[in-house]
Amino acid sequence: MKPIVTTVLLLSILLGGAKIARADGFVLAGGVFTPINVPGSTETEVNGINNSGQVVGLFANSTGQYGFVDSGGDFTTISVPGGGSTIATGINDGGQVTGVYSLIGGGANGFIEMGGVFTTISVPGSLVTVPYGINDSGQIVGAYGNSTGGFSSFLYSGGLFTTICVPGSSQTYVYGINNSGQLVGYFVDSTGAFGFIDTDGVFTTISAPGNSQTYAFGINNSGQVVGSDDDGAFIYTDGVFSTINDPFPPEDHLDAFGINDSGQITVNTAPEPSGLILLPFGLATVGIMSLRARRPEQAGPASPRRH
């Protein structure tokens, strides 16, 4: 089963090709699921969480789709001025928020937001840039698409973009980064889809026993990883998988996206979208949809591929 919030679905929402499926966001702490619902919204999904317990995500209402920051029940809307739909994907302990917004006329850019000030993040030569995670040093990870419809992943650090690619993979997607610079995500090769941890360029595969697909989405400063597999959501600690107990209806799938140092986890539950295109093929479609977009300004020079 594919996770609910993937690059292809996220970009389809931004580019007008899909609406948010019915979904519910929660913070899991001490075995208790606390719902996160933006007042007046029809749907709310959660993504990142910092060590203060601030949560970011996206919501929909009758006027559109927006990002948000939840600070103890106090919701702040995130909407990039002059853009279309906005999604907040990550937040660090300094309160810097990263995310993605659609461009009027097509395409999508990433952003960093702090105190209401937005800075655009765009990989040079790309048509779409989608940041996912940010650490306390302001390093950002995410994905970007080019003119051929293909997608790759990046690390943005010190004004430079570095492409991240798991050796031997056909597709690599990076979702999370901690303060030690460890990266997590998943890759696709000829045998399937697997999670990974990247520690200074050394890749460790994460594969849940008995599952054909494993996706890693978040990592905290202790190296605990959360993600999803065929059966639902998991926590991965020192090589050991622990399934997150799912109290929701069997037709709903539980996906874990973020984890902080206190072990608070952001999770979403929703029915699997019917006929959802597998991510590697769906990304190519989204890239083709974006070809009509006019290139935005570039945020910085590219650096060599990291293996």
Protein backbone atom coordinates (compact mmCIF):
# COMPACT_ATOMS: atom_id res chain seq x y z
CA MET A 1 0.00 0.00 0.00
CA LYS A 2 1.35 3.41 -0.95
CA PRO A 3 1.62 6.14 1.68
CA ILE A 4 -1.06 8.82 1.46
CA VAL A 5 1.14 11.91 1.07
CA THR A 6 3.69 11.22 -1.65
CA THR A 7 5.47 13.53 -4.06
CA VAL A 8 3.14 12.68 -6.92
CA LEU A 9 -0.04 13.22 -4.89
CA LEU A 10 1.33 16.40 -3.35
CA LEU A 11 2.24 17.83 -6.73
CA SER A 12 -1.05 16.71 -8.27
CA ILE A 13 -2.82 18.72 -5.57
CA LEU A 14 -0.63 21.75 -6.23
CA LEU A 15 -0.99 21.61 -10.00
CA GLY A 16 -4.74 21.17 -9.90
CA GLY A 17 -4.84 17.49 -10.80
CA ALA A 18 -6.28 16.19 -7.52
CA LYS A 19 -7.98 17.18 -4.31
CA ILE A 20 -6.96 16.05 -0.84
CA ALA A 21 -8.47 12.66 -0.10
CA ARG A 22 -10.46 12.39 3.12
CA ALA A 23 -7.75 12.22 5.74
CA ASP A 24 -7.26 12.81 9.44
CA GLY A 25 -4.07 14.02 11.11
CA PHE A 26 -2.95 13.09 14.62
CA VAL A 27 -0.05 13.45 17.01
CA LEU A 28 0.76 10.16 18.72
CA ALA A 29 2.33 10.41 22.19
CA GLY A 30 2.34 7.81 24.94
CA GLY A 31 -0.02 5.62 22.96
CA VAL A 32 -2.63 8.38 22.67
CA PHE A 33 -3.74 9.76 19.29
CA THR A 34 -4.58 13.47 19.56
CA PRO A 35 -6.47 14.78 16.50
CA ILE A 36 -5.21 17.86 14.68
CA ASN A 37 -8.02 19.74 12.98
CA VAL A 38 -7.66 23.26 11.61
CA PRO A 39 -10.87 25.15 12.53
CA GLY A 40 -13.19 25.50 9.54
CA SER A 41 -11.29 22.98 7.43
CA THR A 42 -12.77 20.04 5.55
CA GLU A 43 -9.52 18.04 5.62
CA THR A 44 -6.31 18.28 7.65
CA GLU A 45 -3.06 16.35 7.18
CA VAL A 46 0.07 16.59 9.34
CA ASN A 47 3.69 16.39 8.24
CA GLY A 48 6.56 17.61 10.43
CA ILE A 49 6.95 18.15 14.19
CA ASN A 50 9.70 19.89 16.17
CA ASN A 51 10.92 19.46 19.74
CA SER A 52 8.49 22.09 21.03
CA GLY A 53 5.63 19.99 19.68
CA GLN A 54 4.81 22.45 16.90
CA VAL A 55 3.20 20.63 13.98
CA VAL A 56 3.02 21.61 10.32
CA GLY A 57 0.84 20.28 7.53
CA LEU A 58 -1.88 21.17 5.07
CA PHE A 59 -5.60 21.79 5.21
CA ALA A 60 -8.41 22.41 2.77
CA ASN A 61 -11.49 24.56 3.08
CA SER A 62 -14.00 26.13 0.71
CA THR A 63 -11.47 28.68 -0.55
CA GLY A 64 -8.45 26.48 -1.28
CA GLN A 65 -5.54 24.53 0.18
CA TYR A 66 -3.06 25.99 2.66
CA GLY A 67 -0.24 25.13 4.98
CA PHE A 68 -0.42 25.59 8.73
CA VAL A 69 1.59 25.65 11.94
CA ASP A 70 -0.10 24.29 15.06
CA SER A 71 1.45 25.67 18.27
CA GLY A 72 -0.41 23.99 21.10
CA GLY A 73 -3.77 24.39 19.40
CA ASP A 74 -3.04 27.90 18.08
CA PHE A 75 -3.17 27.57 14.27
CA THR A 76 -1.29 29.91 11.92
CA THR A 77 -2.07 29.69 8.20
CA ILE A 78 0.90 29.48 5.82
CA SER A 79 0.14 30.88 2.36
CA VAL A 80 2.85 32.14 0.01
CA PRO A 81 1.93 35.61 -1.32
CA GLY A 82 1.20 35.52 -5.05
CA GLY A 83 1.22 31.72 -5.14
CA GLY A 84 -1.51 29.14 -5.41
CA SER A 85 -1.90 26.20 -3.05
CA THR A 86 0.62 26.00 -0.20
CA ILE A 87 1.74 22.96 1.82
CA ALA A 88 3.96 23.11 4.93
CA THR A 89 6.16 20.02 5.15
CA GLY A 90 8.79 20.56 7.87
CA ILE A 91 9.65 22.71 10.88
CA ASN A 92 12.84 23.00 12.96
CA ASP A 93 13.34 24.04 16.57
CA GLY A 94 13.93 27.64 15.54
CA GLY A 95 10.46 27.78 14.01
CA GLN A 96 11.66 27.85 10.40
CA VAL A 97 9.03 26.24 8.19
CA THR A 98 9.70 24.64 4.84
CA GLY A 99 7.19 23.63 2.21
CA VAL A 100 6.03 23.99 -1.37
CA TYR A 101 3.63 26.25 -3.27
CA SER A 102 2.15 26.17 -6.75
CA LEU A 103 2.98 28.83 -9.32
CA ILE A 104 0.21 30.61 -11.15
CA GLY A 105 0.25 29.11 -14.64
CA GLY A 106 1.98 25.87 -13.63
CA GLY A 107 4.91 24.47 -11.72
CA ALA A 108 5.88 24.54 -8.04
CA ASN A 109 8.62 26.06 -5.88
CA GLY A 110 9.83 25.33 -2.39
CA PHE A 111 10.07 27.89 0.37
CA ILE A 112 11.44 28.66 3.80
CA GLU A 113 9.22 30.78 6.05
CA MET A 114 10.25 32.57 9.22
CA GLY A 115 8.24 35.27 10.94
CA GLY A 116 6.04 35.75 7.89
CA VAL A 117 9.00 36.22 5.52
CA PHE A 118 9.19 33.73 2.64
CA THR A 119 12.38 32.75 0.79
CA THR A 120 12.06 30.72 -2.41
CA ILE A 121 13.94 27.43 -2.77
CA SER A 122 14.39 26.24 -6.35
CA VAL A 123 16.92 23.72 -7.65
CA PRO A 124 18.74 25.20 -10.67
CA GLY A 125 17.44 23.71 -13.93
CA SER A 126 14.37 22.17 -12.32
CA LEU A 127 10.70 22.73 -13.07
CA VAL A 128 9.41 21.81 -9.62
CA THR A 129 11.16 21.79 -6.24
CA VAL A 130 9.56 20.09 -3.22
CA PRO A 131 11.31 20.48 0.17
CA TYR A 132 10.30 17.97 2.85
CA GLY A 133 12.50 18.27 5.92
CA ILE A 134 14.64 20.91 7.65
CA ASN A 135 17.04 20.65 10.61
CA ASP A 136 18.17 23.27 13.11
CA SER A 137 21.10 24.31 10.89
CA GLY A 138 18.68 25.16 8.10
CA GLN A 139 19.72 22.21 5.93
CA ILE A 140 16.81 21.09 3.75
CA VAL A 141 16.04 17.86 1.92
CA GLY A 142 13.48 17.19 -0.78
CA ALA A 143 12.84 16.29 -4.40
CA TYR A 144 13.02 18.13 -7.71
CA GLY A 145 11.81 17.49 -11.24
CA ASN A 146 13.41 18.30 -14.57
CA SER A 147 12.17 18.92 -18.11
CA THR A 148 12.13 15.21 -18.99
CA GLY A 149 9.64 14.40 -16.24
CA GLY A 150 12.20 12.61 -14.06
CA PHE A 151 12.68 13.32 -10.36
CA SER A 152 15.71 13.29 -8.08
CA SER A 153 16.36 14.21 -4.46
CA PHE A 154 18.49 16.97 -2.99
CA LEU A 155 20.26 18.26 0.10
CA TYR A 156 20.32 22.07 0.32
CA SER A 157 23.09 23.33 2.62
CA GLY A 158 25.01 26.58 2.71
CA GLY A 159 23.37 27.80 -0.50
CA LEU A 160 24.39 24.68 -2.45
CA PHE A 161 22.24 21.84 -3.79
CA THR A 162 23.67 18.31 -3.72
CA THR A 163 21.83 15.48 -5.47
CA ILE A 164 21.27 12.40 -3.29
CA CYS A 165 21.20 9.01 -4.98
CA VAL A 166 21.33 5.57 -3.37
CA PRO A 167 23.93 3.55 -5.36
CA GLY A 168 22.25 1.07 -7.71
CA SER A 169 18.82 2.64 -7.39
CA SER A 170 16.63 3.92 -10.19
CA GLN A 171 14.80 6.41 -7.95
CA THR A 172 15.76 8.01 -4.62
CA TYR A 173 13.50 10.17 -2.44
CA VAL A 174 14.74 11.95 0.70
CA TYR A 175 12.19 13.07 3.29
CA GLY A 176 13.90 13.75 6.61
CA ILE A 177 17.10 15.14 8.12
CA ASN A 178 18.24 15.41 11.75
CA ASN A 179 20.76 17.74 13.40
CA SER A 180 23.62 15.29 12.77
CA GLY A 181 22.90 15.50 9.04
CA GLN A 182 21.53 11.95 8.81
CA LEU A 183 19.05 11.63 5.96
CA VAL A 184 16.12 9.24 5.58
CA GLY A 185 13.89 8.35 2.68
CA TYR A 186 13.34 5.48 0.32
CA PHE A 187 14.69 4.17 -2.95
CA VAL A 188 13.45 2.00 -5.78
CA ASP A 189 15.51 -0.65 -7.57
CA SER A 190 14.78 -3.73 -9.65
CA THR A 191 13.62 -5.69 -6.58
CA GLY A 192 11.28 -3.21 -4.90
CA ALA A 193 11.06 -0.14 -2.68
CA PHE A 194 13.11 0.18 0.50
CA GLY A 195 13.77 2.76 3.17
CA PHE A 196 17.26 4.02 3.94
CA ILE A 197 19.38 6.03 6.35
CA ASP A 198 22.24 8.05 4.86
CA THR A 199 25.00 8.77 7.39
CA ASP A 200 27.76 10.84 5.77
CA GLY A 201 27.24 9.10 2.44
CA VAL A 202 27.00 5.59 3.91
CA PHE A 203 23.58 4.14 3.08
CA THR A 204 21.85 1.64 5.36
CA THR A 205 18.80 -0.12 3.91
CA ILE A 206 15.61 -0.29 5.98
CA SER A 207 13.33 -3.17 4.99
CA ALA A 208 10.41 -4.19 7.21
CA PRO A 209 10.25 -8.00 7.58
CA GLY A 210 7.46 -9.60 5.57
CA ASN A 211 6.73 -6.44 3.58
CA SER A 212 7.32 -5.78 -0.11
CA GLN A 213 7.58 -1.99 0.36
CA THR A 214 9.14 0.11 3.11
CA TYR A 215 9.13 3.92 3.24
CA ALA A 216 11.11 6.00 5.76
CA PHE A 217 9.87 9.56 6.29
CA GLY A 218 11.20 11.04 9.52
CA ILE A 219 14.23 10.83 11.82
CA ASN A 220 14.94 12.42 15.20
CA ASN A 221 18.26 13.34 16.80
CA SER A 222 18.52 9.92 18.47
CA GLY A 223 18.34 8.24 15.08
CA GLN A 224 14.81 6.85 15.53
CA VAL A 225 13.05 6.54 12.19
CA VAL A 226 9.33 6.50 11.40
CA GLY A 227 7.64 5.45 8.20
CA SER A 228 5.16 3.11 6.59
CA ASP A 229 5.05 -0.31 5.00
CA ASP A 230 2.41 -2.60 3.53
CA ASP A 231 0.80 -3.13 6.92
CA GLY A 232 0.83 0.40 8.33
CA ALA A 233 3.17 2.64 10.31
CA PHE A 234 6.34 1.75 12.18
CA ILE A 235 9.14 3.04 14.41
CA TYR A 236 12.66 1.81 13.64
CA THR A 237 15.17 1.98 16.50
CA ASP A 238 18.68 0.50 16.38
CA GLY A 239 17.70 -2.02 13.71
CA VAL A 240 14.45 -3.08 15.39
CA PHE A 241 11.00 -2.46 13.88
CA SER A 242 8.05 -1.70 16.16
CA THR A 243 4.59 -1.55 14.62
CA ILE A 244 2.48 1.43 15.63
CA ASN A 245 -0.81 0.05 16.93
CA ASP A 246 -3.63 1.12 14.63
CA PRO A 247 -7.00 1.67 16.36
CA PHE A 248 -8.70 2.96 13.20
CA PRO A 249 -11.10 1.18 10.82
CA PRO A 250 -9.46 -1.57 8.71
CA GLU A 251 -10.18 0.29 5.47
CA ASP A 252 -7.93 3.14 6.64
CA HIS A 253 -4.15 3.05 6.37
CA LEU A 254 -1.88 4.60 9.01
CA ASP A 255 1.19 6.54 7.84
CA ALA A 256 3.86 8.07 10.12
CA PHE A 257 5.73 11.13 8.84
CA GLY A 258 7.58 12.95 11.62
CA ILE A 259 9.13 12.20 15.01
CA ASN A 260 10.73 14.51 17.57
CA ASP A 261 13.20 13.80 20.35
CA SER A 262 10.38 13.18 22.85
CA GLY A 263 9.01 10.44 20.62
CA GLN A 264 5.93 12.41 19.53
CA ILE A 265 4.92 11.20 16.07
CA THR A 266 2.78 12.82 13.38
CA VAL A 267 0.48 10.34 11.67
CA ASN A 268 -2.30 10.43 9.10
CA THR A 269 -5.03 7.93 8.51
CA ALA A 270 -7.04 7.71 5.30
CA PRO A 271 -8.32 5.21 2.77
CA GLU A 272 -5.76 4.34 0.13
CA PRO A 273 -6.54 6.37 -3.00
CA SER A 274 -8.11 4.05 -5.57
CA GLY A 275 -5.76 3.38 -8.46
CA LEU A 276 -3.01 5.64 -7.14
CA ILE A 277 -0.19 5.55 -9.67
CA LEU A 278 3.05 4.10 -8.35
CA LEU A 279 5.34 6.95 -7.39
CA PRO A 280 8.17 6.47 -9.91
CA PHE A 281 5.73 6.55 -12.83
CA GLY A 282 3.50 9.22 -11.35
CA LEU A 283 6.43 11.62 -10.93
CA ALA A 284 7.12 11.46 -14.65
CA THR A 285 3.49 12.40 -15.34
CA VAL A 286 3.68 15.36 -12.97
CA GLY A 287 6.91 16.50 -14.63
CA ILE A 288 5.23 16.46 -18.03
CA MET A 289 2.31 18.46 -16.60
CA SER A 290 4.81 21.08 -15.48
CA LEU A 291 6.61 21.59 -18.80
CA ARG A 292 4.50 24.63 -19.60
CA ALA A 293 5.75 26.41 -16.47
CA ARG A 294 8.03 29.44 -16.83
CA ARG A 295 11.28 28.94 -14.90
CA PRO A 296 11.41 30.85 -11.60
CA GLU A 297 14.57 32.44 -10.22
CA GLN A 298 17.22 29.99 -9.05
CA ALA A 299 18.24 29.93 -5.40
CA GLY A 300 21.85 28.86 -5.81
CA PRO A 301 24.46 26.84 -7.72
CA ALA A 302 24.37 23.06 -7.93
CA SER A 303 27.10 20.87 -6.49
CA PRO A 304 28.17 17.40 -7.63
CA ARG A 305 26.09 14.27 -7.12
CA ARG A 306 26.54 12.59 -3.74
CA HIS A 307 26.93 8.80 -3.63
